[in-house]
Amino acid sequence: MINDIGNRIFTKVSRPSKDITERFRGIPSSNIGDMMNRLYCMREYIRRIGNKTDCMLGTAFTVKVPDGDNAFIHKALDLAEPGDILVVDGNGCITRSLMGEVMFTYAQNKGLAGIVVDGAIRDMDSLKKLDIPVYAAGITPQGPYKNGPGEINVPVACGGQVVMPGDILVGDADGVCVIRAAEAEKVVCMAEEKFQGEEALLKRYHTIGNDTAEHDEKFTKITEALGTTYY
């Protein structure tokens, strides 16, 4: 019997439509996260690296690797398609980098929409001149091994979230949200409404001023329901 557990590559990924995916562009990760009851945002240690300020948006192409080994990440770069985001479960290990400038450039040339690594990267300065968004848990000059094994397109853990192949990822300066493909249309409709509502409120604040009466009434009800004592 062949033991293939931990040494598998699944080549078929079910991706949501590009139309649905593109509707998330420009919506803040905070609005999207709120509409999923604040349960699907990656942890704060997954941070954007470099100077790129555009939104990261694409579909997850997942990789699971041993601590400090990137052999299967290299393989995933050849299998991923334009518009995919490479999501690497590096087990949170930051003692060795899993990707650097050469791999970032390779990914950019393939048209990948981004990279998210629950682990370390290196060659941070290269991201000032590249045009691919990269998120990671840490930075170190220490290089990786290339021995394997690993798995590609399996459910992975990244930033405290389970990421499935084909999930939609949205990243900005605040962090990364994970949207299940089957729930994308519902989530984007709610997030669009949330975003438009906040934009209207901010426009009022900047032009007319604060909605003091409504604001005070809302939070007075909350504090009164708690039985808060005023002194």
Protein backbone atom coordinates (compact mmCIF):
# COMPACT_ATOMS: atom_id res chain seq x y z
CA MET A 1 0.00 0.00 0.00
CA ILE A 2 1.33 3.43 -0.97
CA ASN A 3 1.16 6.02 1.80
CA ASP A 4 0.40 9.27 -0.02
CA ILE A 5 -0.83 11.21 3.03
CA GLY A 6 1.14 14.43 3.18
CA ASN A 7 2.49 13.85 -0.32
CA ARG A 8 -0.37 14.67 -2.68
CA ILE A 9 -1.17 17.11 -5.47
CA PHE A 10 -4.75 17.80 -6.53
CA THR A 11 -4.81 19.55 -9.89
CA LYS A 12 -8.52 20.35 -10.17
CA VAL A 13 -9.77 23.52 -8.44
CA SER A 14 -13.39 24.69 -8.54
CA ARG A 15 -13.17 28.48 -8.83
CA PRO A 16 -16.06 30.95 -8.49
CA SER A 17 -16.97 33.07 -11.49
CA LYS A 18 -14.75 36.04 -12.26
CA ASP A 19 -17.81 38.30 -12.20
CA ILE A 20 -18.59 37.41 -8.58
CA THR A 21 -14.95 37.65 -7.57
CA GLU A 22 -14.50 41.09 -9.16
CA ARG A 23 -17.47 42.50 -7.25
CA PHE A 24 -15.34 42.37 -4.10
CA ARG A 25 -12.75 44.73 -5.57
CA GLY A 26 -12.60 48.01 -3.69
CA ILE A 27 -14.63 46.81 -0.71
CA PRO A 28 -12.59 47.07 2.53
CA SER A 29 -11.70 43.83 4.28
CA SER A 30 -13.30 45.29 7.43
CA ASN A 31 -16.71 45.58 5.74
CA ILE A 32 -16.46 42.06 4.35
CA GLY A 33 -15.37 40.64 7.68
CA ASP A 34 -18.25 42.36 9.47
CA MET A 35 -20.73 40.77 7.07
CA MET A 36 -19.41 37.33 8.00
CA ASN A 37 -20.01 38.00 11.69
CA ARG A 38 -16.30 38.74 12.22
CA LEU A 39 -15.35 35.06 12.03
CA TYR A 40 -13.41 34.87 8.74
CA CYS A 41 -10.55 37.36 9.00
CA MET A 42 -6.99 36.07 9.23
CA ARG A 43 -5.09 36.80 12.41
CA GLU A 44 -3.27 40.11 12.80
CA TYR A 45 0.19 38.59 12.34
CA ILE A 46 -0.46 38.01 8.63
CA ARG A 47 0.68 41.41 7.42
CA ARG A 48 1.15 43.01 4.03
CA ILE A 49 4.83 43.37 3.16
CA GLY A 50 6.21 46.07 0.87
CA ASN A 51 4.77 49.24 -0.62
CA LYS A 52 1.93 47.91 -2.75
CA THR A 53 -1.32 49.57 -1.72
CA ASP A 54 -3.79 48.04 -4.19
CA CYS A 55 -6.38 45.57 -2.98
CA MET A 56 -5.41 41.90 -3.22
CA LEU A 57 -8.24 39.92 -4.76
CA GLY A 58 -8.28 36.40 -6.18
CA THR A 59 -9.02 32.74 -5.62
CA ALA A 60 -7.05 30.51 -3.29
CA PHE A 61 -4.52 27.99 -4.59
CA THR A 62 -3.35 26.22 -1.46
CA VAL A 63 -0.07 24.60 -0.45
CA LYS A 64 0.86 22.77 2.75
CA VAL A 65 4.59 22.35 3.44
CA PRO A 66 6.88 21.16 6.24
CA ASP A 67 8.63 23.76 8.40
CA GLY A 68 11.18 25.63 6.31
CA ASP A 69 10.78 23.62 3.08
CA ASN A 70 9.50 25.13 -0.18
CA ALA A 71 9.79 22.33 -2.75
CA PHE A 72 6.02 22.05 -3.13
CA ILE A 73 5.62 25.84 -3.29
CA HIS A 74 7.83 25.83 -6.37
CA LYS A 75 5.64 23.11 -7.87
CA ALA A 76 2.49 25.07 -7.01
CA LEU A 77 3.83 28.09 -8.91
CA ASP A 78 3.77 26.03 -12.09
CA LEU A 79 0.27 24.67 -11.47
CA ALA A 80 -1.46 27.88 -10.35
CA GLU A 81 -3.41 29.96 -12.87
CA PRO A 82 -3.57 33.72 -13.46
CA GLY A 83 -5.83 35.31 -10.87
CA ASP A 84 -5.01 32.73 -8.21
CA ILE A 85 -3.60 33.68 -4.82
CA LEU A 86 -0.97 31.30 -3.53
CA VAL A 87 -1.89 30.44 0.08
CA VAL A 88 0.92 28.71 1.93
CA ASP A 89 0.44 26.82 5.18
CA GLY A 90 3.98 26.94 6.55
CA ASN A 91 2.85 25.89 10.02
CA GLY A 92 3.61 29.40 11.29
CA CYS A 93 7.34 28.64 11.25
CA ILE A 94 9.39 31.82 10.80
CA THR A 95 12.91 30.44 11.36
CA ARG A 96 13.39 29.86 7.61
CA SER A 97 11.95 31.84 4.71
CA LEU A 98 9.72 29.99 2.29
CA MET A 99 9.75 32.51 -0.56
CA GLY A 100 11.89 35.37 -1.81
CA GLU A 101 12.48 37.68 -4.76
CA VAL A 102 13.03 34.95 -7.36
CA MET A 103 9.77 33.22 -6.48
CA PHE A 104 7.86 36.51 -6.15
CA THR A 105 9.00 37.47 -9.64
CA TYR A 106 8.08 34.06 -11.03
CA ALA A 107 4.61 34.36 -9.48
CA GLN A 108 4.14 37.87 -10.86
CA ASN A 109 5.16 36.75 -14.35
CA LYS A 110 2.54 33.99 -14.16
CA GLY A 111 -0.16 36.55 -13.39
CA LEU A 112 -0.88 35.43 -9.84
CA ALA A 113 -3.03 37.87 -7.88
CA GLY A 114 -1.10 37.57 -4.63
CA ILE A 115 0.75 35.47 -2.09
CA VAL A 116 -0.16 34.73 1.54
CA VAL A 117 2.36 32.83 3.66
CA ASP A 118 1.73 31.58 7.19
CA GLY A 119 5.47 31.51 7.65
CA ALA A 120 8.44 33.70 6.75
CA ILE A 121 9.64 35.33 3.54
CA ARG A 122 12.87 37.13 2.62
CA ASP A 123 14.08 39.73 0.11
CA MET A 124 11.62 42.22 1.53
CA ASP A 125 13.15 45.14 -0.37
CA SER A 126 12.36 43.46 -3.70
CA LEU A 127 8.67 44.03 -3.07
CA LYS A 128 9.23 47.77 -3.45
CA LYS A 129 9.75 47.24 -7.18
CA LEU A 130 7.44 44.27 -7.82
CA ASP A 131 3.72 44.56 -8.47
CA ILE A 132 2.40 41.52 -6.60
CA PRO A 133 0.84 41.80 -3.13
CA VAL A 134 2.53 39.62 -0.52
CA TYR A 135 1.35 38.87 3.02
CA ALA A 136 3.41 36.92 5.53
CA ALA A 137 3.90 36.15 9.20
CA GLY A 138 7.58 37.10 9.36
CA ILE A 139 10.81 37.99 7.59
CA THR A 140 14.22 36.33 7.82
CA PRO A 141 17.27 36.00 5.55
CA GLN A 142 17.57 32.32 6.47
CA GLY A 143 16.87 30.17 3.42
CA PRO A 144 14.63 27.09 2.99
CA TYR A 145 15.21 23.44 2.21
CA LYS A 146 13.86 21.82 -0.95
CA ASN A 147 13.28 18.24 0.14
CA GLY A 148 9.48 17.98 0.39
CA PRO A 149 7.05 16.43 0.91
CA GLY A 150 3.92 18.56 0.87
CA GLU A 151 0.38 18.85 -0.44
CA ILE A 152 -1.24 21.09 -3.03
CA ASN A 153 -4.91 22.10 -3.19
CA VAL A 154 -5.96 20.69 0.14
CA PRO A 155 -7.64 22.59 3.00
CA VAL A 156 -4.93 24.54 4.82
CA ALA A 157 -4.56 26.63 7.97
CA CYS A 158 -3.41 30.18 7.32
CA GLY A 159 -3.61 33.05 9.78
CA GLY A 160 -6.00 31.14 12.03
CA GLN A 161 -8.43 30.42 9.19
CA VAL A 162 -9.18 27.31 7.21
CA VAL A 163 -8.67 28.13 3.54
CA MET A 164 -10.14 25.88 0.88
CA PRO A 165 -8.95 25.76 -2.74
CA GLY A 166 -11.14 28.17 -4.71
CA ASP A 167 -12.05 30.40 -1.76
CA ILE A 168 -12.04 34.13 -2.52
CA LEU A 169 -9.45 36.17 -0.64
CA VAL A 170 -9.56 39.93 -0.15
CA GLY A 171 -6.53 41.69 1.30
CA ASP A 172 -5.75 45.31 2.08
CA ALA A 173 -3.75 47.31 4.63
CA ASP A 174 -5.85 45.89 7.47
CA GLY A 175 -5.33 42.22 6.58
CA VAL A 176 -6.98 39.32 4.74
CA CYS A 177 -10.54 37.98 4.67
CA VAL A 178 -11.57 34.51 3.46
CA ILE A 179 -14.87 34.05 1.60
CA ARG A 180 -16.23 30.62 0.79
CA ALA A 181 -17.00 30.34 -2.92
CA ALA A 182 -20.50 28.98 -2.25
CA GLU A 183 -21.31 32.03 -0.10
CA ALA A 184 -19.63 34.67 -2.24
CA GLU A 185 -22.74 36.15 -3.85
CA LYS A 186 -24.54 36.51 -0.52
CA VAL A 187 -21.49 38.02 1.16
CA VAL A 188 -20.73 40.50 -1.62
CA CYS A 189 -24.32 41.78 -1.69
CA MET A 190 -24.21 42.45 2.06
CA ALA A 191 -20.71 43.92 1.91
CA GLU A 192 -21.67 46.29 -0.93
CA GLU A 193 -24.60 47.57 1.10
CA LYS A 194 -22.42 47.98 4.20
CA PHE A 195 -19.76 49.84 2.23
CA GLN A 196 -22.26 52.18 0.57
CA GLY A 197 -23.88 52.92 3.92
CA GLU A 198 -20.56 53.79 5.55
CA GLU A 199 -19.54 55.94 2.59
CA ALA A 200 -22.78 57.92 2.92
CA LEU A 201 -22.23 58.35 6.67
CA LEU A 202 -18.66 59.52 6.17
CA LYS A 203 -19.78 61.98 3.51
CA ARG A 204 -22.23 63.44 6.03
CA TYR A 205 -19.54 63.66 8.72
CA HIS A 206 -17.20 65.48 6.34
CA THR A 207 -19.81 67.89 4.95
CA ILE A 208 -22.64 68.40 7.43
CA GLY A 209 -21.16 67.12 10.69
CA ASN A 210 -21.82 64.41 13.24
CA ASP A 211 -25.23 62.76 13.68
CA THR A 212 -24.98 63.48 17.41
CA ALA A 213 -28.59 62.84 18.41
CA GLU A 214 -28.85 59.48 16.62
CA HIS A 215 -25.42 58.39 17.82
CA ASP A 216 -26.16 59.27 21.44
CA GLU A 217 -29.57 57.57 21.33
CA LYS A 218 -28.07 54.33 19.95
CA PHE A 219 -25.33 54.00 22.54
CA THR A 220 -27.47 55.22 25.41
CA LYS A 221 -29.78 52.27 24.72
CA ILE A 222 -26.81 49.91 24.81
CA THR A 223 -25.43 51.25 28.09
CA GLU A 224 -28.89 51.35 29.70
CA ALA A 225 -29.52 47.73 28.71
CA LEU A 226 -26.32 46.84 30.58
CA GLY A 227 -27.50 48.66 33.69
CA THR A 228 -24.50 51.00 33.50
CA THR A 229 -24.13 53.37 36.46
CA TYR A 230 -23.38 57.04 35.81
CA TYR A 231 -21.41 59.05 38.35
